[in-house]
Amino acid sequence: MTPSPPELPAPAAPRCDFDRPRERLRSLGPRGLTVSELLAILVGSGTSGRSAVDIAHAISRDMAGSLQRLAALDVSELEHMPGVGRATAARIVAALELGRRAATQTQSDSDRIRGPADVFRRMGPRLHDLPQEEFHTLLLNARHRVLREVFVTRGILDASLIHPREVFRPAVGEGAAALILVHNHPSGDPTPSAEDRAVTRQLVDAGRVLGIPVLDHVVVGRGSYRSLMEREDG
C-alpha cells in the first residue's frame, strides 16, 4: 500500500491590514489612517490579550470618536484607562500638545494682530479644548506684532488672584508697546462673565498707569470667541 503523503500544516491566516497601522502609515501616509489607527501607533505594543489596535478602538469608543474629548482628558485620567498606563498616556498627551502647538504656528510670530479674529486664530487651537481656564497675554510692539506669548495662570479667573505685577512684568522686560489678554472658557461658551470684566478693568487701569495699554481681552470658546473691548464699545 502506498503510504499517504504527510499532511502539510494549514497556512497561517493572513493578517488584516487594519491590524498593522504602522505599515498602513508607510503606504498611505498619516492622512489615510483612521483616528483609531493613529492612536494604535501611539499605544505601541499593546498588552497581554489585547492588541494595540484593540486598546485604541476602546479609547476611541469611550471618547465617542471625539478628539476634543480626548484632548480634554488629564494625563492621570488616561493612565487609568484599560491597557493604557503611564507611558502610553504620556505619548498620547504629548502628541495632542504637539498638534495644538503646530496649529498655533500657522501664523508667524511676526504676524500683526489686527483684531480679535487674529487672536482667536492664533490662540484658539491651543485653548479651546482645555479642561481648565488658562490666562495668557500677547506682548506687542508698536506695530502690533507679537513679541512674545506669556502664560500667566491656570484656574478660575479671579480679579483677586490676577496681580497686575505678574501680567505687566514680562511686558516691561520685553519693552512691549501694548498687550492683549486672552483666556478660555472650558464650557465652550465664550460669553464674558462678570469676573472677566472685572479682571479686564483692573488690568486696563494698570496699563494706563504703566503706559502699556491693554488693547483687548479675548475669551476663547469652542469654535467661537468674544472680545470684551468690542463688547464695551458696542
Protein backbone atom coordinates (compact mmCIF):
# COMPACT_ATOMS: atom_id res chain seq x y z
CA MET A 1 0.00 0.00 0.00
CA THR A 2 1.29 3.36 -0.93
CA PRO A 3 1.86 5.42 2.18
CA SER A 4 -0.24 8.60 2.49
CA PRO A 5 1.69 11.82 1.96
CA PRO A 6 2.36 13.71 5.16
CA GLU A 7 -0.19 16.38 5.97
CA LEU A 8 1.00 19.90 5.35
CA PRO A 9 0.38 22.46 8.07
CA ALA A 10 -2.53 24.78 7.39
CA PRO A 11 -1.38 28.13 6.09
CA ALA A 12 -1.46 30.89 8.66
CA ALA A 13 -4.37 33.25 8.31
CA PRO A 14 -3.21 36.44 6.61
CA ARG A 15 -3.08 39.41 8.92
CA CYS A 16 -5.57 42.13 8.18
CA ASP A 17 -4.03 45.41 7.08
CA PHE A 18 -6.06 47.16 9.76
CA ASP A 19 -4.05 45.23 12.36
CA ARG A 20 -0.87 46.82 11.05
CA PRO A 21 -1.30 50.59 11.31
CA ARG A 22 2.42 51.29 11.04
CA GLU A 23 2.58 49.52 7.69
CA ARG A 24 -0.53 51.41 6.55
CA LEU A 25 1.10 54.65 7.64
CA ARG A 26 4.06 53.92 5.38
CA SER A 27 1.91 53.02 2.39
CA LEU A 28 -0.94 55.53 2.77
CA GLY A 29 0.55 58.36 4.80
CA PRO A 30 -0.92 59.63 8.08
CA ARG A 31 -3.96 61.20 6.43
CA GLY A 32 -5.04 57.79 5.15
CA LEU A 33 -5.40 56.37 8.66
CA THR A 34 -8.38 56.49 10.98
CA VAL A 35 -8.20 58.06 14.42
CA SER A 36 -8.10 54.58 15.98
CA GLU A 37 -5.17 53.56 13.78
CA LEU A 38 -3.23 56.69 14.68
CA LEU A 39 -3.92 56.03 18.35
CA ALA A 40 -2.78 52.42 17.93
CA ILE A 41 0.62 53.66 16.76
CA LEU A 42 0.91 55.74 19.94
CA VAL A 43 -0.23 52.80 22.08
CA GLY A 44 2.58 50.69 20.61
CA SER A 45 2.77 47.00 21.52
CA GLY A 46 -0.44 46.55 23.48
CA THR A 47 -0.82 44.22 26.46
CA SER A 48 -1.34 40.53 27.00
CA GLY A 49 -4.63 39.53 25.42
CA ARG A 50 -5.24 42.96 23.85
CA SER A 51 -3.52 44.33 20.79
CA ALA A 52 -2.64 47.99 20.34
CA VAL A 53 -5.50 48.22 17.84
CA ASP A 54 -7.96 46.79 20.39
CA ILE A 55 -6.87 49.33 23.00
CA ALA A 56 -7.04 52.19 20.50
CA HIS A 57 -10.56 51.17 19.46
CA ALA A 58 -11.59 51.10 23.13
CA ILE A 59 -10.20 54.60 23.72
CA SER A 60 -11.94 55.96 20.64
CA ARG A 61 -15.20 54.27 21.67
CA ASP A 62 -15.02 55.69 25.21
CA MET A 63 -14.49 59.18 23.75
CA ALA A 64 -17.36 58.66 21.26
CA GLY A 65 -14.83 59.27 18.48
CA SER A 66 -14.24 62.84 19.68
CA LEU A 67 -10.67 64.12 19.61
CA GLN A 68 -11.83 67.16 21.56
CA ARG A 69 -12.96 64.95 24.42
CA LEU A 70 -9.70 63.01 24.28
CA ALA A 71 -7.63 66.21 24.26
CA ALA A 72 -9.54 67.48 27.30
CA LEU A 73 -8.51 64.48 29.43
CA ASP A 74 -5.87 64.90 32.10
CA VAL A 75 -2.89 62.55 31.82
CA SER A 76 -3.95 60.80 35.05
CA GLU A 77 -7.38 60.05 33.55
CA LEU A 78 -5.74 58.48 30.51
CA GLU A 79 -3.44 56.39 32.69
CA HIS A 80 -6.41 54.66 34.29
CA MET A 81 -8.00 53.58 31.01
CA PRO A 82 -7.66 49.80 30.44
CA GLY A 83 -4.48 48.92 28.57
CA VAL A 84 -3.08 52.45 28.58
CA GLY A 85 -0.74 53.02 31.53
CA ARG A 86 1.67 55.86 32.22
CA ALA A 87 3.95 55.58 29.19
CA THR A 88 1.12 55.38 26.66
CA ALA A 89 -0.81 58.18 28.36
CA ALA A 90 2.28 60.38 28.20
CA ARG A 91 2.72 59.66 24.46
CA ILE A 92 -0.92 60.48 23.70
CA VAL A 93 -0.88 63.72 25.72
CA ALA A 94 2.42 64.76 24.12
CA ALA A 95 1.11 64.06 20.61
CA LEU A 96 -2.04 66.12 21.23
CA GLU A 97 0.00 69.01 22.62
CA LEU A 98 2.29 68.93 19.58
CA GLY A 99 -0.83 69.17 17.41
CA ARG A 100 -2.03 72.20 19.36
CA ARG A 101 1.34 73.91 19.04
CA ALA A 102 1.58 73.15 15.34
CA ALA A 103 -1.84 74.70 14.84
CA THR A 104 -0.80 77.88 16.64
CA GLN A 105 2.26 78.21 14.42
CA THR A 106 0.23 78.52 11.22
CA GLN A 107 0.90 82.22 11.65
CA SER A 108 4.41 83.51 12.14
CA ASP A 109 5.32 85.18 15.42
CA SER A 110 5.98 88.29 13.38
CA ASP A 111 2.38 88.50 12.11
CA ARG A 112 0.50 91.60 13.03
CA ILE A 113 -2.54 91.39 15.32
CA ARG A 114 -5.24 93.44 13.64
CA GLY A 115 -8.17 92.42 15.81
CA PRO A 116 -9.72 89.69 17.95
CA ALA A 117 -10.10 87.34 14.98
CA ASP A 118 -6.31 87.25 14.65
CA VAL A 119 -6.02 86.48 18.37
CA PHE A 120 -8.53 83.64 18.03
CA ARG A 121 -6.74 82.16 15.00
CA ARG A 122 -3.52 82.16 16.96
CA MET A 123 -4.71 81.02 20.37
CA GLY A 124 -7.98 79.19 19.70
CA PRO A 125 -6.45 75.85 18.61
CA ARG A 126 -4.42 75.71 21.81
CA LEU A 127 -7.05 76.83 24.30
CA HIS A 128 -10.48 75.79 23.06
CA ASP A 129 -10.47 72.21 24.38
CA LEU A 130 -8.60 72.61 27.67
CA PRO A 131 -10.35 71.28 30.80
CA GLN A 132 -9.29 74.31 32.87
CA GLU A 133 -9.14 78.03 32.26
CA GLU A 134 -5.75 79.35 31.18
CA PHE A 135 -4.88 83.04 31.12
CA HIS A 136 -2.28 84.28 28.63
CA THR A 137 -1.01 87.61 27.33
CA LEU A 138 0.31 88.56 23.92
CA LEU A 139 3.05 91.19 24.13
CA LEU A 140 3.03 93.50 21.11
CA ASN A 141 5.45 96.01 19.63
CA ALA A 142 4.43 99.44 18.34
CA ARG A 143 3.24 97.87 15.05
CA HIS A 144 1.11 95.34 16.93
CA ARG A 145 3.35 92.45 16.02
CA VAL A 146 3.75 89.73 18.63
CA LEU A 147 6.96 89.93 20.61
CA ARG A 148 6.14 87.05 22.92
CA GLU A 149 3.28 84.95 24.25
CA VAL A 150 3.19 84.67 28.05
CA PHE A 151 1.36 82.08 30.14
CA VAL A 152 0.12 83.82 33.30
CA THR A 153 -2.01 81.40 35.29
CA ARG A 154 -4.25 78.33 35.20
CA GLY A 155 -7.56 78.02 37.04
CA ILE A 156 -10.68 80.06 37.62
CA LEU A 157 -10.13 83.66 36.54
CA ASP A 158 -10.44 85.86 39.60
CA ALA A 159 -9.57 89.55 39.88
CA SER A 160 -8.33 88.97 43.43
CA LEU A 161 -5.80 86.38 42.16
CA ILE A 162 -4.59 88.11 38.98
CA HIS A 163 -1.99 90.60 40.16
CA PRO A 164 -1.10 93.30 37.62
CA ARG A 165 2.57 92.90 38.57
CA GLU A 166 2.63 89.34 37.20
CA VAL A 167 0.91 90.43 34.00
CA PHE A 168 2.98 93.52 33.25
CA ARG A 169 6.43 92.43 34.46
CA PRO A 170 7.18 90.48 31.22
CA ALA A 171 5.75 93.35 29.16
CA VAL A 172 8.13 95.82 30.83
CA GLY A 173 11.05 93.41 30.40
CA GLU A 174 10.33 92.95 26.68
CA GLY A 175 9.76 96.65 26.10
CA ALA A 176 6.25 95.89 24.85
CA ALA A 177 4.21 98.80 23.50
CA ALA A 178 0.87 97.10 24.28
CA LEU A 179 -0.61 93.77 25.25
CA ILE A 180 -3.68 91.63 24.68
CA LEU A 181 -5.31 89.42 27.30
CA VAL A 182 -6.71 86.04 26.29
CA HIS A 183 -8.23 83.14 28.19
CA ASN A 184 -10.55 80.21 27.54
CA HIS A 185 -13.90 79.02 28.88
CA PRO A 186 -13.84 75.20 29.24
CA SER A 187 -17.64 75.17 28.92
CA GLY A 188 -17.20 76.17 25.27
CA ASP A 189 -19.35 79.29 25.70
CA PRO A 190 -17.13 82.39 25.31
CA THR A 191 -19.68 84.82 26.81
CA PRO A 192 -17.69 87.07 29.19
CA SER A 193 -18.53 86.70 32.87
CA ALA A 194 -18.70 89.44 35.47
CA GLU A 195 -15.29 88.26 36.71
CA ASP A 196 -13.87 88.50 33.18
CA ARG A 197 -15.00 92.12 33.03
CA ALA A 198 -13.57 92.85 36.49
CA VAL A 199 -10.17 91.42 35.54
CA THR A 200 -10.21 93.45 32.33
CA ARG A 201 -11.00 96.72 34.13
CA GLN A 202 -8.28 96.06 36.70
CA LEU A 203 -5.61 95.39 34.07
CA VAL A 204 -6.71 98.20 31.75
CA ASP A 205 -6.32 100.62 34.68
CA ALA A 206 -2.87 99.22 35.49
CA GLY A 207 -1.84 99.51 31.85
CA ARG A 208 -2.78 103.18 31.79
CA VAL A 209 -0.54 103.85 34.79
CA LEU A 210 2.39 101.96 33.26
CA GLY A 211 1.92 103.34 29.76
CA ILE A 212 1.34 99.84 28.30
CA PRO A 213 -2.24 99.81 27.06
CA VAL A 214 -4.38 96.69 27.12
CA LEU A 215 -5.80 96.59 23.59
CA ASP A 216 -8.26 93.74 24.11
CA HIS A 217 -9.32 90.77 26.19
CA VAL A 218 -10.40 87.84 24.04
CA VAL A 219 -12.34 84.92 25.53
CA VAL A 220 -11.91 81.67 23.59
CA GLY A 221 -14.77 79.17 23.37
CA ARG A 222 -15.31 76.07 21.28
CA GLY A 223 -15.23 77.33 17.71
CA SER A 224 -16.01 80.95 18.66
CA TYR A 225 -14.73 83.87 20.70
CA ARG A 226 -15.81 87.15 22.31
CA SER A 227 -13.90 90.41 22.57
CA LEU A 228 -14.53 92.36 25.76
CA MET A 229 -13.39 95.59 24.11
CA GLU A 230 -15.84 95.18 21.25
CA ARG A 231 -18.48 94.35 23.85
CA GLU A 232 -17.72 97.54 25.78
CA ASP A 233 -17.58 99.64 22.60
CA GLY A 234 -20.88 98.12 21.43
